[in-house]
Amino acid sequence: MTQPQLLQSQGAQYTRILAVGAARGDLIVPNDDIVGPIDSSDEWIQQRTGIITRTRASQDVLAVDLATTAALEAIERSGIAPELIDAIIIATISNGRQTPSMAAVVAERVGAVPAAAFDLNAACAGYAYGVAQADALIRSGAAHYALVIGAEKLSDMVDPTDRSISFLLGDGAGAVVIGPSDYPGISASVWGSDGRADAVGMNGTLQEYRRGEKEWPTLRQEGQTVFRWAVWDMAKIAKQTLAAAGITADQLAAFIPHQANMRIVDEFAKQLKLPESVVIARDIATTGNTSAASIPLATHRLLEEHPELSGGLALQIGFGAGLVYGAQVVVLP
């Protein structure tokens, strides 16, 4: 009996980001509002992190609400009808419910049903992971247009008395529509994990909380470990990404790293020896660290402030809890 030959899908040769959308928390929280519980000062936070204010969402605003707002803007700007989007990927660590996925809710809200919809958990690298997956799905023919969102409400996951990470964090969502292109708009991705999973993460489990063994789990980090890893190891990954894209640093228009800490961003740029012509995203100063949302939020602000960057090349790299990382070079929409 002759074995039947299966059909496999084939998609577009190239992909690109068509549009970006953003939503930030509705509350502007200055350093003076959070220094009491951590026995600190506005000066100390600015010197250590570069953060002046961070945006946080009101109690009745959920991460999925921020994701929806960002998605609607990205879809409108893309000019693509929502019913043509057939994959929705949301990078998040702050969905308030284990299920349904945030992506499934957003699919219904934006009118993209019956798009495939799923969440992924890669923390601060999540958006870069989502872009890598959307690019692969479209080029394989498994999707035609994809909506990738990084969405976080990290204010729900912090202990206000914690000095390791709580003062860094903000709330927001950034979204992009990715589709087929006549030219290469997303480079090969460089992604992976480091093996030091406990350097950033939750300090307990929901099961321990339910049994009364621990308090509600909140985020913690080993600050020095993460700083050294982000500056030294991630600079190597960034250089690998440029090589994988077939370009050099002087061909970049912008550098958009995860907005972890201003000191990390600045040191990162020094390690890469970026020329002065490269615009560096520093959204963290007024938004804070929004984990998976930070790269698309920073991209959105960069394009608002520098529209001339549209069509230029940007190196984007996410890195954080896990420790995991992901990066690619993209053509800015």
C-alpha atoms as a PDB file:
ATOM      1  CA  MET A   1       0.000   0.000   0.000  1.00  0.00           C
ATOM      2  CA  THR A   2       1.396   3.372  -1.007  1.00  0.00           C
ATOM      3  CA  GLN A   3       1.904   5.758   1.882  1.00  0.00           C
ATOM      4  CA  PRO A   4      -0.185   8.924   1.233  1.00  0.00           C
ATOM      5  CA  GLN A   5       1.846  12.096   0.972  1.00  0.00           C
ATOM      6  CA  LEU A   6       0.905  14.743   3.508  1.00  0.00           C
ATOM      7  CA  LEU A   7       0.558  18.361   2.605  1.00  0.00           C
ATOM      8  CA  GLN A   8       2.667  20.802   4.603  1.00  0.00           C
ATOM      9  CA  SER A   9       2.072  24.525   4.728  1.00  0.00           C
ATOM     10  CA  GLN A  10       4.401  27.106   3.275  1.00  0.00           C
ATOM     11  CA  GLY A  11       4.151  30.784   3.994  1.00  0.00           C
ATOM     12  CA  ALA A  12       5.679  34.127   3.133  1.00  0.00           C
ATOM     13  CA  GLN A  13       9.409  34.358   2.556  1.00  0.00           C
ATOM     14  CA  TYR A  14       9.748  37.461   4.723  1.00  0.00           C
ATOM     15  CA  THR A  15       7.934  39.155   7.598  1.00  0.00           C
ATOM     16  CA  ARG A  16       7.932  42.562   9.249  1.00  0.00           C
ATOM     17  CA  ILE A  17       6.285  44.556  12.020  1.00  0.00           C
ATOM     18  CA  LEU A  18       3.410  46.544  10.536  1.00  0.00           C
ATOM     19  CA  ALA A  19       2.405  48.710  13.493  1.00  0.00           C
ATOM     20  CA  VAL A  20       2.848  49.246  17.243  1.00  0.00           C
ATOM     21  CA  GLY A  21       0.287  50.019  19.959  1.00  0.00           C
ATOM     22  CA  ALA A  22       0.733  50.882  23.642  1.00  0.00           C
ATOM     23  CA  ALA A  23      -1.118  51.259  26.925  1.00  0.00           C
ATOM     24  CA  ARG A  24       0.399  52.430  30.184  1.00  0.00           C
ATOM     25  CA  GLY A  25      -0.993  52.284  33.675  1.00  0.00           C
ATOM     26  CA  ASP A  26      -3.272  55.208  34.488  1.00  0.00           C
ATOM     27  CA  LEU A  27      -1.386  56.203  37.666  1.00  0.00           C
ATOM     28  CA  ILE A  28       1.938  58.056  37.690  1.00  0.00           C
ATOM     29  CA  VAL A  29       3.847  56.954  40.786  1.00  0.00           C
ATOM     30  CA  PRO A  30       6.874  59.091  41.753  1.00  0.00           C
ATOM     31  CA  ASN A  31       9.704  57.694  43.837  1.00  0.00           C
ATOM     32  CA  ASP A  32       8.601  59.657  46.903  1.00  0.00           C
ATOM     33  CA  ASP A  33       5.385  57.607  47.011  1.00  0.00           C
ATOM     34  CA  ILE A  34       7.211  54.295  47.490  1.00  0.00           C
ATOM     35  CA  VAL A  35      10.401  55.104  49.414  1.00  0.00           C
ATOM     36  CA  GLY A  36       8.878  54.825  52.914  1.00  0.00           C
ATOM     37  CA  PRO A  37       8.367  51.037  53.090  1.00  0.00           C
ATOM     38  CA  ILE A  38      11.868  50.367  51.675  1.00  0.00           C
ATOM     39  CA  ASP A  39      13.596  53.027  53.814  1.00  0.00           C
ATOM     40  CA  SER A  40      15.056  54.733  50.762  1.00  0.00           C
ATOM     41  CA  SER A  41      14.977  58.056  48.924  1.00  0.00           C
ATOM     42  CA  ASP A  42      14.178  59.542  45.537  1.00  0.00           C
ATOM     43  CA  GLU A  43      17.888  60.300  45.060  1.00  0.00           C
ATOM     44  CA  TRP A  44      18.920  56.686  45.802  1.00  0.00           C
ATOM     45  CA  ILE A  45      16.391  55.215  43.339  1.00  0.00           C
ATOM     46  CA  GLN A  46      17.364  57.647  40.577  1.00  0.00           C
ATOM     47  CA  GLN A  47      21.086  56.988  41.076  1.00  0.00           C
ATOM     48  CA  ARG A  48      20.663  53.216  41.153  1.00  0.00           C
ATOM     49  CA  THR A  49      18.019  52.788  38.434  1.00  0.00           C
ATOM     50  CA  GLY A  50      17.407  56.021  36.527  1.00  0.00           C
ATOM     51  CA  ILE A  51      13.704  55.807  37.355  1.00  0.00           C
ATOM     52  CA  ILE A  52      11.954  59.098  38.144  1.00  0.00           C
ATOM     53  CA  THR A  53       8.374  57.821  37.992  1.00  0.00           C
ATOM     54  CA  ARG A  54       6.683  54.596  37.006  1.00  0.00           C
ATOM     55  CA  THR A  55       3.201  54.004  35.596  1.00  0.00           C
ATOM     56  CA  ARG A  56       0.919  51.675  37.508  1.00  0.00           C
ATOM     57  CA  ALA A  57      -2.672  50.664  36.932  1.00  0.00           C
ATOM     58  CA  SER A  58      -5.616  51.248  39.239  1.00  0.00           C
ATOM     59  CA  GLN A  59      -6.971  48.252  41.137  1.00  0.00           C
ATOM     60  CA  ASP A  60      -9.846  47.679  38.696  1.00  0.00           C
ATOM     61  CA  VAL A  61      -7.570  47.767  35.606  1.00  0.00           C
ATOM     62  CA  LEU A  62      -6.220  44.312  34.763  1.00  0.00           C
ATOM     63  CA  ALA A  63      -3.282  43.284  32.593  1.00  0.00           C
ATOM     64  CA  VAL A  64      -5.743  41.958  30.026  1.00  0.00           C
ATOM     65  CA  ASP A  65      -7.367  45.406  29.842  1.00  0.00           C
ATOM     66  CA  LEU A  66      -4.003  47.013  29.090  1.00  0.00           C
ATOM     67  CA  ALA A  67      -3.342  44.298  26.495  1.00  0.00           C
ATOM     68  CA  THR A  68      -6.671  44.984  24.802  1.00  0.00           C
ATOM     69  CA  THR A  69      -6.053  48.733  24.567  1.00  0.00           C
ATOM     70  CA  ALA A  70      -2.573  48.245  23.106  1.00  0.00           C
ATOM     71  CA  ALA A  71      -3.851  45.615  20.662  1.00  0.00           C
ATOM     72  CA  LEU A  72      -6.639  47.830  19.355  1.00  0.00           C
ATOM     73  CA  GLU A  73      -4.191  50.650  18.606  1.00  0.00           C
ATOM     74  CA  ALA A  74      -1.748  48.317  16.848  1.00  0.00           C
ATOM     75  CA  ILE A  75      -4.521  46.785  14.727  1.00  0.00           C
ATOM     76  CA  GLU A  76      -5.943  50.179  13.759  1.00  0.00           C
ATOM     77  CA  ARG A  77      -2.511  51.519  12.796  1.00  0.00           C
ATOM     78  CA  SER A  78      -1.672  48.388  10.802  1.00  0.00           C
ATOM     79  CA  GLY A  79      -4.695  48.739   8.528  1.00  0.00           C
ATOM     80  CA  ILE A  80      -5.270  44.986   8.834  1.00  0.00           C
ATOM     81  CA  ALA A  81      -8.838  43.898   9.601  1.00  0.00           C
ATOM     82  CA  PRO A  82      -8.911  42.043  12.946  1.00  0.00           C
ATOM     83  CA  GLU A  83     -10.614  39.023  11.374  1.00  0.00           C
ATOM     84  CA  LEU A  84      -7.495  38.519   9.219  1.00  0.00           C
ATOM     85  CA  ILE A  85      -5.322  38.013  12.294  1.00  0.00           C
ATOM     86  CA  ASP A  86      -5.031  34.297  12.843  1.00  0.00           C
ATOM     87  CA  ALA A  87      -2.519  34.086  15.715  1.00  0.00           C
ATOM     88  CA  ILE A  88      -2.403  36.010  18.981  1.00  0.00           C
ATOM     89  CA  ILE A  89       0.570  35.589  21.312  1.00  0.00           C
ATOM     90  CA  ILE A  90       0.701  37.347  24.666  1.00  0.00           C
ATOM     91  CA  ALA A  91       3.881  37.394  26.730  1.00  0.00           C
ATOM     92  CA  THR A  92       3.026  37.877  30.392  1.00  0.00           C
ATOM     93  CA  ILE A  93       3.767  36.750  33.922  1.00  0.00           C
ATOM     94  CA  SER A  94       0.870  38.628  35.487  1.00  0.00           C
ATOM     95  CA  ASN A  95      -2.348  37.088  34.212  1.00  0.00           C
ATOM     96  CA  GLY A  96      -4.553  37.035  37.295  1.00  0.00           C
ATOM     97  CA  ARG A  97      -6.067  33.698  36.256  1.00  0.00           C
ATOM     98  CA  GLN A  98      -4.330  30.467  35.351  1.00  0.00           C
ATOM     99  CA  THR A  99      -6.936  29.986  32.644  1.00  0.00           C
ATOM    100  CA  PRO A 100      -8.358  31.138  30.264  1.00  0.00           C
ATOM    101  CA  SER A 101      -5.293  32.595  28.626  1.00  0.00           C
ATOM    102  CA  MET A 102      -5.107  36.335  28.296  1.00  0.00           C
ATOM    103  CA  ALA A 103      -4.706  35.853  24.533  1.00  0.00           C
ATOM    104  CA  ALA A 104      -8.010  34.019  24.240  1.00  0.00           C
ATOM    105  CA  VAL A 105      -9.807  36.894  25.988  1.00  0.00           C
ATOM    106  CA  VAL A 106      -8.109  39.511  23.804  1.00  0.00           C
ATOM    107  CA  ALA A 107      -8.961  37.554  20.643  1.00  0.00           C
ATOM    108  CA  GLU A 108     -12.650  37.887  21.467  1.00  0.00           C
ATOM    109  CA  ARG A 109     -12.384  41.520  22.526  1.00  0.00           C
ATOM    110  CA  VAL A 110     -10.637  42.718  19.369  1.00  0.00           C
ATOM    111  CA  GLY A 111     -12.732  40.657  16.959  1.00  0.00           C
ATOM    112  CA  ALA A 112     -10.027  38.206  15.910  1.00  0.00           C
ATOM    113  CA  VAL A 113     -11.891  34.960  16.685  1.00  0.00           C
ATOM    114  CA  PRO A 114     -11.145  32.192  15.606  1.00  0.00           C
ATOM    115  CA  ALA A 115      -7.440  33.109  15.774  1.00  0.00           C
ATOM    116  CA  ALA A 116      -5.120  30.697  17.544  1.00  0.00           C
ATOM    117  CA  ALA A 117      -4.450  32.311  20.924  1.00  0.00           C
ATOM    118  CA  PHE A 118      -1.970  31.494  23.667  1.00  0.00           C
ATOM    119  CA  ASP A 119       0.119  33.075  26.416  1.00  0.00           C
ATOM    120  CA  LEU A 120       3.814  32.490  26.931  1.00  0.00           C
ATOM    121  CA  ASN A 121       5.897  32.959  30.060  1.00  0.00           C
ATOM    122  CA  ALA A 122       9.428  34.124  29.384  1.00  0.00           C
ATOM    123  CA  ALA A 123       9.230  37.182  31.663  1.00  0.00           C
ATOM    124  CA  CYS A 124      11.337  40.084  30.376  1.00  0.00           C
ATOM    125  CA  ALA A 125      12.359  38.137  27.268  1.00  0.00           C
ATOM    126  CA  GLY A 126       8.742  37.256  26.493  1.00  0.00           C
ATOM    127  CA  TYR A 127       8.091  39.863  23.815  1.00  0.00           C
ATOM    128  CA  ALA A 128      11.207  38.860  21.864  1.00  0.00           C
ATOM    129  CA  TYR A 129      10.094  35.228  22.165  1.00  0.00           C
ATOM    130  CA  GLY A 130       6.678  36.186  20.820  1.00  0.00           C
ATOM    131  CA  VAL A 131       8.192  37.995  17.832  1.00  0.00           C
ATOM    132  CA  ALA A 132      10.353  34.948  17.080  1.00  0.00           C
ATOM    133  CA  GLN A 133       7.312  32.682  17.159  1.00  0.00           C
ATOM    134  CA  ALA A 134       5.138  34.997  15.053  1.00  0.00           C
ATOM    135  CA  ASP A 135       7.869  35.287  12.449  1.00  0.00           C
ATOM    136  CA  ALA A 136       8.218  31.494  12.276  1.00  0.00           C
ATOM    137  CA  LEU A 137       4.451  30.895  12.153  1.00  0.00           C
ATOM    138  CA  ILE A 138       3.963  33.282   9.244  1.00  0.00           C
ATOM    139  CA  ARG A 139       6.941  32.026   7.261  1.00  0.00           C
ATOM    140  CA  SER A 140       5.812  28.423   7.779  1.00  0.00           C
ATOM    141  CA  GLY A 141       2.280  29.212   6.586  1.00  0.00           C
ATOM    142  CA  ALA A 142       0.690  28.400   9.949  1.00  0.00           C
ATOM    143  CA  ALA A 143      -0.497  32.022  10.206  1.00  0.00           C
ATOM    144  CA  HIS A 144      -0.879  34.977   7.861  1.00  0.00           C
ATOM    145  CA  TYR A 145      -0.980  37.854  10.351  1.00  0.00           C
ATOM    146  CA  ALA A 146      -0.036  37.689  14.026  1.00  0.00           C
ATOM    147  CA  LEU A 147      -0.681  39.962  16.985  1.00  0.00           C
ATOM    148  CA  VAL A 148       2.133  39.886  19.559  1.00  0.00           C
ATOM    149  CA  ILE A 149       1.591  41.572  22.914  1.00  0.00           C
ATOM    150  CA  GLY A 150       3.685  42.050  26.024  1.00  0.00           C
ATOM    151  CA  ALA A 151       1.340  42.861  28.913  1.00  0.00           C
ATOM    152  CA  GLU A 152       2.020  43.165  32.626  1.00  0.00           C
ATOM    153  CA  LYS A 153       0.443  44.397  35.827  1.00  0.00           C
ATOM    154  CA  LEU A 154       3.469  43.885  38.035  1.00  0.00           C
ATOM    155  CA  SER A 155       2.124  46.096  40.824  1.00  0.00           C
ATOM    156  CA  ASP A 156      -0.037  43.098  41.782  1.00  0.00           C
ATOM    157  CA  MET A 157       3.083  40.972  42.244  1.00  0.00           C
ATOM    158  CA  VAL A 158       5.323  43.094  44.454  1.00  0.00           C
ATOM    159  CA  ASP A 159       5.927  43.399  48.176  1.00  0.00           C
ATOM    160  CA  PRO A 160       6.127  47.153  48.863  1.00  0.00           C
ATOM    161  CA  THR A 161       8.760  46.496  51.562  1.00  0.00           C
ATOM    162  CA  ASP A 162      11.083  44.542  49.250  1.00  0.00           C
ATOM    163  CA  ARG A 163      14.290  46.408  48.358  1.00  0.00           C
ATOM    164  CA  SER A 164      15.414  44.028  45.603  1.00  0.00           C
ATOM    165  CA  ILE A 165      12.900  44.753  42.818  1.00  0.00           C
ATOM    166  CA  SER A 166       9.600  46.301  43.960  1.00  0.00           C
ATOM    167  CA  PHE A 167      10.609  49.935  43.322  1.00  0.00           C
ATOM    168  CA  LEU A 168      11.581  49.125  39.720  1.00  0.00           C
ATOM    169  CA  LEU A 169       8.285  47.807  38.484  1.00  0.00           C
ATOM    170  CA  GLY A 170       5.447  49.366  36.502  1.00  0.00           C
ATOM    171  CA  ASP A 171       2.337  48.324  34.577  1.00  0.00           C
ATOM    172  CA  GLY A 172       1.647  48.492  30.851  1.00  0.00           C
ATOM    173  CA  ALA A 173       1.226  46.694  27.547  1.00  0.00           C
ATOM    174  CA  GLY A 174       2.744  47.010  24.102  1.00  0.00           C
ATOM    175  CA  ALA A 175       1.476  45.291  20.970  1.00  0.00           C
ATOM    176  CA  VAL A 176       2.589  44.769  17.384  1.00  0.00           C
ATOM    177  CA  VAL A 177       0.934  43.356  14.277  1.00  0.00           C
ATOM    178  CA  ILE A 178       3.311  41.214  12.249  1.00  0.00           C
ATOM    179  CA  GLY A 179       2.617  40.189   8.673  1.00  0.00           C
ATOM    180  CA  PRO A 180       4.167  39.103   5.370  1.00  0.00           C
ATOM    181  CA  SER A 181       6.665  41.410   3.698  1.00  0.00           C
ATOM    182  CA  ASP A 182       8.372  41.925   0.356  1.00  0.00           C
ATOM    183  CA  TYR A 183      11.715  42.338   2.145  1.00  0.00           C
ATOM    184  CA  PRO A 184      13.342  40.919   5.316  1.00  0.00           C
ATOM    185  CA  GLY A 185      11.903  42.827   8.273  1.00  0.00           C
ATOM    186  CA  ILE A 186      12.744  40.477  11.153  1.00  0.00           C
ATOM    187  CA  SER A 187      16.153  38.842  11.444  1.00  0.00           C
ATOM    188  CA  ALA A 188      16.960  35.400  12.745  1.00  0.00           C
ATOM    189  CA  SER A 189      16.370  35.342  16.499  1.00  0.00           C
ATOM    190  CA  VAL A 190      18.980  34.482  19.092  1.00  0.00           C
ATOM    191  CA  TRP A 191      17.331  33.054  22.200  1.00  0.00           C
ATOM    192  CA  GLY A 192      18.078  30.726  25.058  1.00  0.00           C
ATOM    193  CA  SER A 193      18.334  30.178  28.805  1.00  0.00           C
ATOM    194  CA  ASP A 194      21.176  30.514  31.265  1.00  0.00           C
ATOM    195  CA  GLY A 195      20.383  27.894  33.872  1.00  0.00           C
ATOM    196  CA  ARG A 196      20.238  30.183  36.923  1.00  0.00           C
ATOM    197  CA  ALA A 197      16.481  30.100  37.209  1.00  0.00           C
ATOM    198  CA  ASP A 198      16.279  31.393  40.797  1.00  0.00           C
ATOM    199  CA  ALA A 199      18.144  34.668  40.242  1.00  0.00           C
ATOM    200  CA  VAL A 200      14.809  36.381  39.487  1.00  0.00           C
ATOM    201  CA  GLY A 201      11.463  34.867  40.383  1.00  0.00           C
ATOM    202  CA  MET A 202       8.654  34.390  42.855  1.00  0.00           C
ATOM    203  CA  ASN A 203       9.488  33.745  46.502  1.00  0.00           C
ATOM    204  CA  GLY A 204       6.893  31.013  46.933  1.00  0.00           C
ATOM    205  CA  THR A 205       4.146  29.003  45.256  1.00  0.00           C
ATOM    206  CA  LEU A 206       0.372  29.335  45.275  1.00  0.00           C
ATOM    207  CA  GLN A 207       0.217  25.857  46.799  1.00  0.00           C
ATOM    208  CA  GLU A 208       2.370  26.968  49.758  1.00  0.00           C
ATOM    209  CA  TYR A 209       0.150  30.030  50.173  1.00  0.00           C
ATOM    210  CA  ARG A 210      -3.006  27.915  50.053  1.00  0.00           C
ATOM    211  CA  ARG A 211      -1.638  25.616  52.771  1.00  0.00           C
ATOM    212  CA  GLY A 212      -0.803  28.612  54.937  1.00  0.00           C
ATOM    213  CA  GLU A 213       2.913  27.883  54.802  1.00  0.00           C
ATOM    214  CA  LYS A 214       3.895  31.174  53.139  1.00  0.00           C
ATOM    215  CA  GLU A 215       2.476  34.602  52.468  1.00  0.00           C
ATOM    216  CA  TRP A 216       1.196  35.625  49.024  1.00  0.00           C
ATOM    217  CA  PRO A 217       4.112  35.047  46.589  1.00  0.00           C
ATOM    218  CA  THR A 218       5.880  38.144  45.284  1.00  0.00           C
ATOM    219  CA  LEU A 219       8.789  38.885  42.959  1.00  0.00           C
ATOM    220  CA  ARG A 220      12.400  38.915  44.187  1.00  0.00           C
ATOM    221  CA  GLN A 221      15.764  39.186  42.493  1.00  0.00           C
ATOM    222  CA  GLU A 222      19.479  38.824  43.221  1.00  0.00           C
ATOM    223  CA  GLY A 223      20.385  42.310  42.082  1.00  0.00           C
ATOM    224  CA  GLN A 224      24.152  41.994  41.608  1.00  0.00           C
ATOM    225  CA  THR A 225      23.879  38.617  39.869  1.00  0.00           C
ATOM    226  CA  VAL A 226      21.310  39.968  37.429  1.00  0.00           C
ATOM    227  CA  PHE A 227      23.239  43.186  36.810  1.00  0.00           C
ATOM    228  CA  ARG A 228      26.485  41.403  35.926  1.00  0.00           C
ATOM    229  CA  TRP A 229      24.661  38.882  33.739  1.00  0.00           C
ATOM    230  CA  ALA A 230      22.673  41.568  31.923  1.00  0.00           C
ATOM    231  CA  VAL A 231      25.689  43.763  31.211  1.00  0.00           C
ATOM    232  CA  TRP A 232      28.370  41.218  30.348  1.00  0.00           C
ATOM    233  CA  ASP A 233      26.604  38.093  29.090  1.00  0.00           C
ATOM    234  CA  MET A 234      23.825  39.882  27.244  1.00  0.00           C
ATOM    235  CA  ALA A 235      26.300  42.127  25.415  1.00  0.00           C
ATOM    236  CA  LYS A 236      27.693  38.921  23.896  1.00  0.00           C
ATOM    237  CA  ILE A 237      24.177  37.827  22.879  1.00  0.00           C
ATOM    238  CA  ALA A 238      23.544  41.228  21.315  1.00  0.00           C
ATOM    239  CA  LYS A 239      26.714  40.909  19.235  1.00  0.00           C
ATOM    240  CA  GLN A 240      25.646  37.394  18.166  1.00  0.00           C
ATOM    241  CA  THR A 241      22.291  38.838  17.097  1.00  0.00           C
ATOM    242  CA  LEU A 242      23.918  41.510  14.943  1.00  0.00           C
ATOM    243  CA  ALA A 243      26.047  38.821  13.316  1.00  0.00           C
ATOM    244  CA  ALA A 244      23.002  36.601  12.731  1.00  0.00           C
ATOM    245  CA  ALA A 245      21.271  39.558  11.066  1.00  0.00           C
ATOM    246  CA  GLY A 246      24.286  40.210   8.848  1.00  0.00           C
ATOM    247  CA  ILE A 247      24.748  43.796  10.005  1.00  0.00           C
ATOM    248  CA  THR A 248      27.087  45.846  12.165  1.00  0.00           C
ATOM    249  CA  ALA A 249      26.301  48.194  15.050  1.00  0.00           C
ATOM    250  CA  ASP A 250      26.892  51.301  12.931  1.00  0.00           C
ATOM    251  CA  GLN A 251      24.055  50.249  10.618  1.00  0.00           C
ATOM    252  CA  LEU A 252      21.501  50.430  13.421  1.00  0.00           C
ATOM    253  CA  ALA A 253      19.058  53.305  13.750  1.00  0.00           C
ATOM    254  CA  ALA A 254      17.990  52.334  17.273  1.00  0.00           C
ATOM    255  CA  PHE A 255      18.849  50.109  20.223  1.00  0.00           C
ATOM    256  CA  ILE A 256      15.828  48.921  22.237  1.00  0.00           C
ATOM    257  CA  PRO A 257      16.866  46.745  25.161  1.00  0.00           C
ATOM    258  CA  HIS A 258      14.546  45.504  27.884  1.00  0.00           C
ATOM    259  CA  GLN A 259      14.026  48.456  30.201  1.00  0.00           C
ATOM    260  CA  ALA A 260      15.447  46.766  33.287  1.00  0.00           C
ATOM    261  CA  ASN A 261      17.495  49.559  34.789  1.00  0.00           C
ATOM    262  CA  MET A 262      19.024  52.715  33.283  1.00  0.00           C
ATOM    263  CA  ARG A 263      22.503  51.741  34.476  1.00  0.00           C
ATOM    264  CA  ILE A 264      22.162  48.444  32.616  1.00  0.00           C
ATOM    265  CA  VAL A 265      20.949  50.210  29.459  1.00  0.00           C
ATOM    266  CA  ASP A 266      23.849  52.681  29.522  1.00  0.00           C
ATOM    267  CA  GLU A 267      26.509  50.071  30.275  1.00  0.00           C
ATOM    268  CA  PHE A 268      25.039  47.801  27.621  1.00  0.00           C
ATOM    269  CA  ALA A 269      25.429  50.553  25.014  1.00  0.00           C
ATOM    270  CA  LYS A 270      29.073  51.063  26.037  1.00  0.00           C
ATOM    271  CA  GLN A 271      29.799  47.348  25.679  1.00  0.00           C
ATOM    272  CA  LEU A 272      28.366  47.393  22.147  1.00  0.00           C
ATOM    273  CA  LYS A 273      30.333  50.548  21.244  1.00  0.00           C
ATOM    274  CA  LEU A 274      27.253  52.039  19.641  1.00  0.00           C
ATOM    275  CA  PRO A 275      27.901  55.175  17.581  1.00  0.00           C
ATOM    276  CA  GLU A 276      26.192  58.405  18.594  1.00  0.00           C
ATOM    277  CA  SER A 277      23.866  58.097  15.603  1.00  0.00           C
ATOM    278  CA  VAL A 278      22.063  55.158  17.242  1.00  0.00           C
ATOM    279  CA  VAL A 279      19.048  56.292  19.269  1.00  0.00           C
ATOM    280  CA  ILE A 280      18.830  54.391  22.563  1.00  0.00           C
ATOM    281  CA  ALA A 281      15.450  53.677  24.193  1.00  0.00           C
ATOM    282  CA  ARG A 282      15.269  54.965  27.766  1.00  0.00           C
ATOM    283  CA  ASP A 283      11.577  54.613  28.469  1.00  0.00           C
ATOM    284  CA  ILE A 284      12.325  53.244  31.938  1.00  0.00           C
ATOM    285  CA  ALA A 285      12.810  56.764  33.321  1.00  0.00           C
ATOM    286  CA  THR A 286       9.076  57.467  33.385  1.00  0.00           C
ATOM    287  CA  THR A 287       7.457  54.048  32.839  1.00  0.00           C
ATOM    288  CA  GLY A 288       9.550  51.777  35.046  1.00  0.00           C
ATOM    289  CA  ASN A 289      10.410  48.149  34.352  1.00  0.00           C
ATOM    290  CA  THR A 290       7.362  46.494  32.786  1.00  0.00           C
ATOM    291  CA  SER A 291       8.953  43.097  32.047  1.00  0.00           C
ATOM    292  CA  ALA A 292       7.456  41.606  28.845  1.00  0.00           C
ATOM    293  CA  ALA A 293       5.841  44.944  27.943  1.00  0.00           C
ATOM    294  CA  SER A 294       8.992  47.039  28.130  1.00  0.00           C
ATOM    295  CA  ILE A 295      10.389  46.567  24.603  1.00  0.00           C
ATOM    296  CA  PRO A 296       7.158  47.289  22.682  1.00  0.00           C
ATOM    297  CA  LEU A 297       6.362  50.193  25.019  1.00  0.00           C
ATOM    298  CA  ALA A 298       9.832  51.627  24.470  1.00  0.00           C
ATOM    299  CA  THR A 299       9.471  51.091  20.718  1.00  0.00           C
ATOM    300  CA  HIS A 300       6.152  52.930  20.686  1.00  0.00           C
ATOM    301  CA  ARG A 301       7.588  55.907  22.569  1.00  0.00           C
ATOM    302  CA  LEU A 302      10.730  55.983  20.432  1.00  0.00           C
ATOM    303  CA  LEU A 303       8.667  56.177  17.240  1.00  0.00           C
ATOM    304  CA  GLU A 304       6.415  58.860  18.740  1.00  0.00           C
ATOM    305  CA  GLU A 305       9.441  60.986  19.653  1.00  0.00           C
ATOM    306  CA  HIS A 306      11.547  60.103  16.589  1.00  0.00           C
ATOM    307  CA  PRO A 307       9.244  59.341  13.638  1.00  0.00           C
ATOM    308  CA  GLU A 308      12.278  59.576  11.354  1.00  0.00           C
ATOM    309  CA  LEU A 309      13.374  56.175  12.719  1.00  0.00           C
ATOM    310  CA  SER A 310      10.583  54.455  10.769  1.00  0.00           C
ATOM    311  CA  GLY A 311      12.154  52.118   8.226  1.00  0.00           C
ATOM    312  CA  GLY A 312      15.428  51.950  10.150  1.00  0.00           C
ATOM    313  CA  LEU A 313      16.959  48.916  11.839  1.00  0.00           C
ATOM    314  CA  ALA A 314      16.554  48.339  15.569  1.00  0.00           C
ATOM    315  CA  LEU A 315      18.286  45.784  17.767  1.00  0.00           C
ATOM    316  CA  GLN A 316      15.820  44.596  20.420  1.00  0.00           C
ATOM    317  CA  ILE A 317      16.857  42.295  23.246  1.00  0.00           C
ATOM    318  CA  GLY A 318      14.923  40.987  26.227  1.00  0.00           C
ATOM    319  CA  PHE A 319      16.493  39.319  29.246  1.00  0.00           C
ATOM    320  CA  GLY A 320      15.347  38.473  32.740  1.00  0.00           C
ATOM    321  CA  ALA A 321      13.678  35.973  35.035  1.00  0.00           C
ATOM    322  CA  GLY A 322      14.651  32.464  34.262  1.00  0.00           C
ATOM    323  CA  LEU A 323      17.381  33.552  33.373  1.00  0.00           C
ATOM    324  CA  VAL A 324      16.254  33.637  29.728  1.00  0.00           C
ATOM    325  CA  TYR A 325      16.991  35.910  26.808  1.00  0.00           C
ATOM    326  CA  GLY A 326      15.800  36.627  23.272  1.00  0.00           C
ATOM    327  CA  ALA A 327      16.857  39.107  20.611  1.00  0.00           C
ATOM    328  CA  GLN A 328      16.442  40.034  16.963  1.00  0.00           C
ATOM    329  CA  VAL A 329      16.995  42.956  14.600  1.00  0.00           C
ATOM    330  CA  VAL A 330      13.796  44.418  13.164  1.00  0.00           C
ATOM    331  CA  VAL A 331      12.835  47.072  10.667  1.00  0.00           C
ATOM    332  CA  LEU A 332      10.879  49.709  12.574  1.00  0.00           C
ATOM    333  CA  PRO A 333       7.350  50.292  11.208  1.00  0.00           C
END
